[in-house]
Amino acid sequence: MEVRNYETVFILTPVLNESQVQETVEKFSQVLKENSADIINTEAWGLKKLAYPIQKKNTGYYFLVEFTGTGNIVDTLELAFRRDERIIRFLTTVLDKHAVAYGERRRKGEMNQQKAKQSEAVA
């Protein structure tokens, strides 16, 4: 099968403490590694307010994981998400070449530098 780039964002329930949050993130990272996926980037976006209540909760811990793997890895990962009651929402998308390039620039911090240069040129 073809190796593709994926990005998944998942929201954890806000009632977890910091060690439980890290344990949950490690669990899903391990699921990816066991299924021969390469994790490119993991970002913790922190506790954020939800747009609407989910399971009677108004906030949640957001996490982003970028990885590469074959198509069946997504099914395995999403099955693990569905089985875990600590996950209140998740979304996995396939990244095209433009999204991969954007992600690389974002990780390097080039996105904010371009905005700063534009504002300096205007001033």
C-alpha atoms as a PDB file:
ATOM      1  CA  MET A   1       0.000   0.000   0.000  1.00  0.00           C
ATOM      2  CA  GLU A   2       0.977   3.594  -0.528  1.00  0.00           C
ATOM      3  CA  VAL A   3       2.504   5.551   2.358  1.00  0.00           C
ATOM      4  CA  ARG A   4       0.602   8.783   2.978  1.00  0.00           C
ATOM      5  CA  ASN A   5       0.834  11.744   5.325  1.00  0.00           C
ATOM      6  CA  TYR A   6      -1.918  12.077   7.910  1.00  0.00           C
ATOM      7  CA  GLU A   7      -2.888  14.554  10.589  1.00  0.00           C
ATOM      8  CA  THR A   8      -5.177  13.757  13.473  1.00  0.00           C
ATOM      9  CA  VAL A   9      -6.603  16.104  16.071  1.00  0.00           C
ATOM     10  CA  PHE A  10      -8.234  14.644  19.143  1.00  0.00           C
ATOM     11  CA  ILE A  11      -9.888  16.155  22.202  1.00  0.00           C
ATOM     12  CA  LEU A  12      -9.519  14.628  25.654  1.00  0.00           C
ATOM     13  CA  THR A  13     -12.024  15.058  28.450  1.00  0.00           C
ATOM     14  CA  PRO A  14     -11.126  17.941  30.798  1.00  0.00           C
ATOM     15  CA  VAL A  15     -11.539  15.918  34.009  1.00  0.00           C
ATOM     16  CA  LEU A  16      -8.145  14.223  33.538  1.00  0.00           C
ATOM     17  CA  ASN A  17      -5.077  15.321  35.478  1.00  0.00           C
ATOM     18  CA  GLU A  18      -1.756  16.052  33.751  1.00  0.00           C
ATOM     19  CA  SER A  19      -0.319  12.535  34.193  1.00  0.00           C
ATOM     20  CA  GLN A  20      -3.483  10.922  32.804  1.00  0.00           C
ATOM     21  CA  VAL A  21      -3.382  13.253  29.795  1.00  0.00           C
ATOM     22  CA  GLN A  22       0.256  12.339  29.048  1.00  0.00           C
ATOM     23  CA  GLU A  23      -0.511   8.634  29.548  1.00  0.00           C
ATOM     24  CA  THR A  24      -3.366   8.839  27.033  1.00  0.00           C
ATOM     25  CA  VAL A  25      -1.241  10.635  24.437  1.00  0.00           C
ATOM     26  CA  GLU A  26       1.523   8.040  24.887  1.00  0.00           C
ATOM     27  CA  LYS A  27      -1.037   5.251  24.435  1.00  0.00           C
ATOM     28  CA  PHE A  28      -2.068   6.545  21.010  1.00  0.00           C
ATOM     29  CA  SER A  29       1.525   7.250  20.004  1.00  0.00           C
ATOM     30  CA  GLN A  30       2.267   3.628  20.851  1.00  0.00           C
ATOM     31  CA  VAL A  31      -0.692   2.456  18.736  1.00  0.00           C
ATOM     32  CA  LEU A  32       0.805   4.313  15.775  1.00  0.00           C
ATOM     33  CA  LYS A  33       4.308   2.941  16.371  1.00  0.00           C
ATOM     34  CA  GLU A  34       3.035  -0.639  16.717  1.00  0.00           C
ATOM     35  CA  ASN A  35       1.405  -0.321  13.302  1.00  0.00           C
ATOM     36  CA  SER A  36       4.630   0.924  11.635  1.00  0.00           C
ATOM     37  CA  ALA A  37       3.660   4.598  11.412  1.00  0.00           C
ATOM     38  CA  ASP A  38       6.301   7.306  11.657  1.00  0.00           C
ATOM     39  CA  ILE A  39       5.260  10.137  13.969  1.00  0.00           C
ATOM     40  CA  ILE A  40       6.436  13.425  12.477  1.00  0.00           C
ATOM     41  CA  ASN A  41       5.103  15.903  15.020  1.00  0.00           C
ATOM     42  CA  THR A  42       3.009  15.998  18.182  1.00  0.00           C
ATOM     43  CA  GLU A  43       1.596  19.248  19.518  1.00  0.00           C
ATOM     44  CA  ALA A  44      -0.325  19.872  22.720  1.00  0.00           C
ATOM     45  CA  TRP A  45      -2.677  22.785  22.143  1.00  0.00           C
ATOM     46  CA  GLY A  46      -3.823  22.736  25.755  1.00  0.00           C
ATOM     47  CA  LEU A  47      -7.164  23.174  27.444  1.00  0.00           C
ATOM     48  CA  LYS A  48      -9.563  25.074  25.177  1.00  0.00           C
ATOM     49  CA  LYS A  49     -13.219  25.979  25.235  1.00  0.00           C
ATOM     50  CA  LEU A  50     -15.370  23.888  22.894  1.00  0.00           C
ATOM     51  CA  ALA A  51     -17.647  25.574  20.362  1.00  0.00           C
ATOM     52  CA  TYR A  52     -20.585  23.628  21.785  1.00  0.00           C
ATOM     53  CA  PRO A  53     -20.995  21.179  24.695  1.00  0.00           C
ATOM     54  CA  ILE A  54     -19.914  17.595  24.003  1.00  0.00           C
ATOM     55  CA  GLN A  55     -20.942  14.972  26.566  1.00  0.00           C
ATOM     56  CA  LYS A  56     -21.959  17.856  28.877  1.00  0.00           C
ATOM     57  CA  LYS A  57     -18.413  19.255  28.823  1.00  0.00           C
ATOM     58  CA  ASN A  58     -17.509  22.770  27.688  1.00  0.00           C
ATOM     59  CA  THR A  59     -13.700  22.412  27.550  1.00  0.00           C
ATOM     60  CA  GLY A  60     -11.206  19.792  26.428  1.00  0.00           C
ATOM     61  CA  TYR A  61      -7.489  19.111  25.953  1.00  0.00           C
ATOM     62  CA  TYR A  62      -6.585  19.405  22.262  1.00  0.00           C
ATOM     63  CA  PHE A  63      -3.747  17.425  20.668  1.00  0.00           C
ATOM     64  CA  LEU A  64      -2.397  17.292  17.115  1.00  0.00           C
ATOM     65  CA  VAL A  65      -0.400  14.339  15.758  1.00  0.00           C
ATOM     66  CA  GLU A  66       1.153  14.318  12.278  1.00  0.00           C
ATOM     67  CA  PHE A  67       2.286  10.923  10.998  1.00  0.00           C
ATOM     68  CA  THR A  68       2.969   8.846   7.897  1.00  0.00           C
ATOM     69  CA  GLY A  69       1.664   5.358   7.275  1.00  0.00           C
ATOM     70  CA  THR A  70      -0.460   3.114   5.115  1.00  0.00           C
ATOM     71  CA  GLY A  71      -4.244   3.385   4.834  1.00  0.00           C
ATOM     72  CA  ASN A  72      -5.081   0.683   7.364  1.00  0.00           C
ATOM     73  CA  ILE A  73      -3.340   2.612  10.152  1.00  0.00           C
ATOM     74  CA  VAL A  74      -6.189   5.126  10.205  1.00  0.00           C
ATOM     75  CA  ASP A  75      -8.776   2.410  10.843  1.00  0.00           C
ATOM     76  CA  THR A  76      -6.704   0.993  13.691  1.00  0.00           C
ATOM     77  CA  LEU A  77      -6.131   4.399  15.279  1.00  0.00           C
ATOM     78  CA  GLU A  78      -9.772   5.473  15.013  1.00  0.00           C
ATOM     79  CA  LEU A  79     -10.921   2.169  16.492  1.00  0.00           C
ATOM     80  CA  ALA A  80      -8.634   2.828  19.472  1.00  0.00           C
ATOM     81  CA  PHE A  81     -10.096   6.356  19.763  1.00  0.00           C
ATOM     82  CA  ARG A  82     -13.656   4.990  19.774  1.00  0.00           C
ATOM     83  CA  ARG A  83     -12.832   2.425  22.461  1.00  0.00           C
ATOM     84  CA  ASP A  84     -11.283   4.974  24.822  1.00  0.00           C
ATOM     85  CA  GLU A  85     -13.807   6.902  26.906  1.00  0.00           C
ATOM     86  CA  ARG A  86     -11.278   9.692  27.571  1.00  0.00           C
ATOM     87  CA  ILE A  87     -11.531  10.820  23.913  1.00  0.00           C
ATOM     88  CA  ILE A  88     -14.546  13.038  23.271  1.00  0.00           C
ATOM     89  CA  ARG A  89     -13.815  13.900  19.599  1.00  0.00           C
ATOM     90  CA  PHE A  90     -11.245  13.099  16.911  1.00  0.00           C
ATOM     91  CA  LEU A  91     -10.643  13.900  13.244  1.00  0.00           C
ATOM     92  CA  THR A  92      -8.058  12.352  10.922  1.00  0.00           C
ATOM     93  CA  THR A  93      -7.273  13.842   7.516  1.00  0.00           C
ATOM     94  CA  VAL A  94      -4.971  12.929   4.632  1.00  0.00           C
ATOM     95  CA  LEU A  95      -2.488  15.692   3.856  1.00  0.00           C
ATOM     96  CA  ASP A  96      -1.710  16.671   0.268  1.00  0.00           C
ATOM     97  CA  LYS A  97       1.685  18.011  -0.789  1.00  0.00           C
ATOM     98  CA  HIS A  98       0.667  21.612  -0.046  1.00  0.00           C
ATOM     99  CA  ALA A  99      -0.498  20.764   3.466  1.00  0.00           C
ATOM    100  CA  VAL A 100       2.747  18.862   4.130  1.00  0.00           C
ATOM    101  CA  ALA A 101       4.784  21.886   2.987  1.00  0.00           C
ATOM    102  CA  TYR A 102       2.648  24.202   5.128  1.00  0.00           C
ATOM    103  CA  GLY A 103       3.125  21.938   8.170  1.00  0.00           C
ATOM    104  CA  GLU A 104       6.900  21.955   7.719  1.00  0.00           C
ATOM    105  CA  ARG A 105       6.976  25.750   7.482  1.00  0.00           C
ATOM    106  CA  ARG A 106       4.700  26.070  10.515  1.00  0.00           C
ATOM    107  CA  ARG A 107       6.918  23.783  12.614  1.00  0.00           C
ATOM    108  CA  LYS A 108      10.006  25.794  11.648  1.00  0.00           C
ATOM    109  CA  GLY A 109       8.276  29.044  12.599  1.00  0.00           C
ATOM    110  CA  GLU A 110       8.479  30.550   9.128  1.00  0.00           C
ATOM    111  CA  MET A 111       4.800  31.510   9.103  1.00  0.00           C
ATOM    112  CA  ASN A 112       5.168  34.175  11.807  1.00  0.00           C
ATOM    113  CA  GLN A 113       8.423  35.465  10.317  1.00  0.00           C
ATOM    114  CA  GLN A 114       6.729  36.247   6.999  1.00  0.00           C
ATOM    115  CA  LYS A 115       4.014  38.234   8.758  1.00  0.00           C
ATOM    116  CA  ALA A 116       6.643  40.163  10.738  1.00  0.00           C
ATOM    117  CA  LYS A 117       8.568  41.013   7.562  1.00  0.00           C
ATOM    118  CA  GLN A 118       5.384  42.224   5.861  1.00  0.00           C
ATOM    119  CA  SER A 119       4.476  44.468   8.797  1.00  0.00           C
ATOM    120  CA  GLU A 120       8.035  45.888   8.870  1.00  0.00           C
ATOM    121  CA  ALA A 121       7.863  46.655   5.145  1.00  0.00           C
ATOM    122  CA  VAL A 122       4.559  48.497   5.607  1.00  0.00           C
ATOM    123  CA  ALA A 123       5.891  50.544   8.546  1.00  0.00           C
END
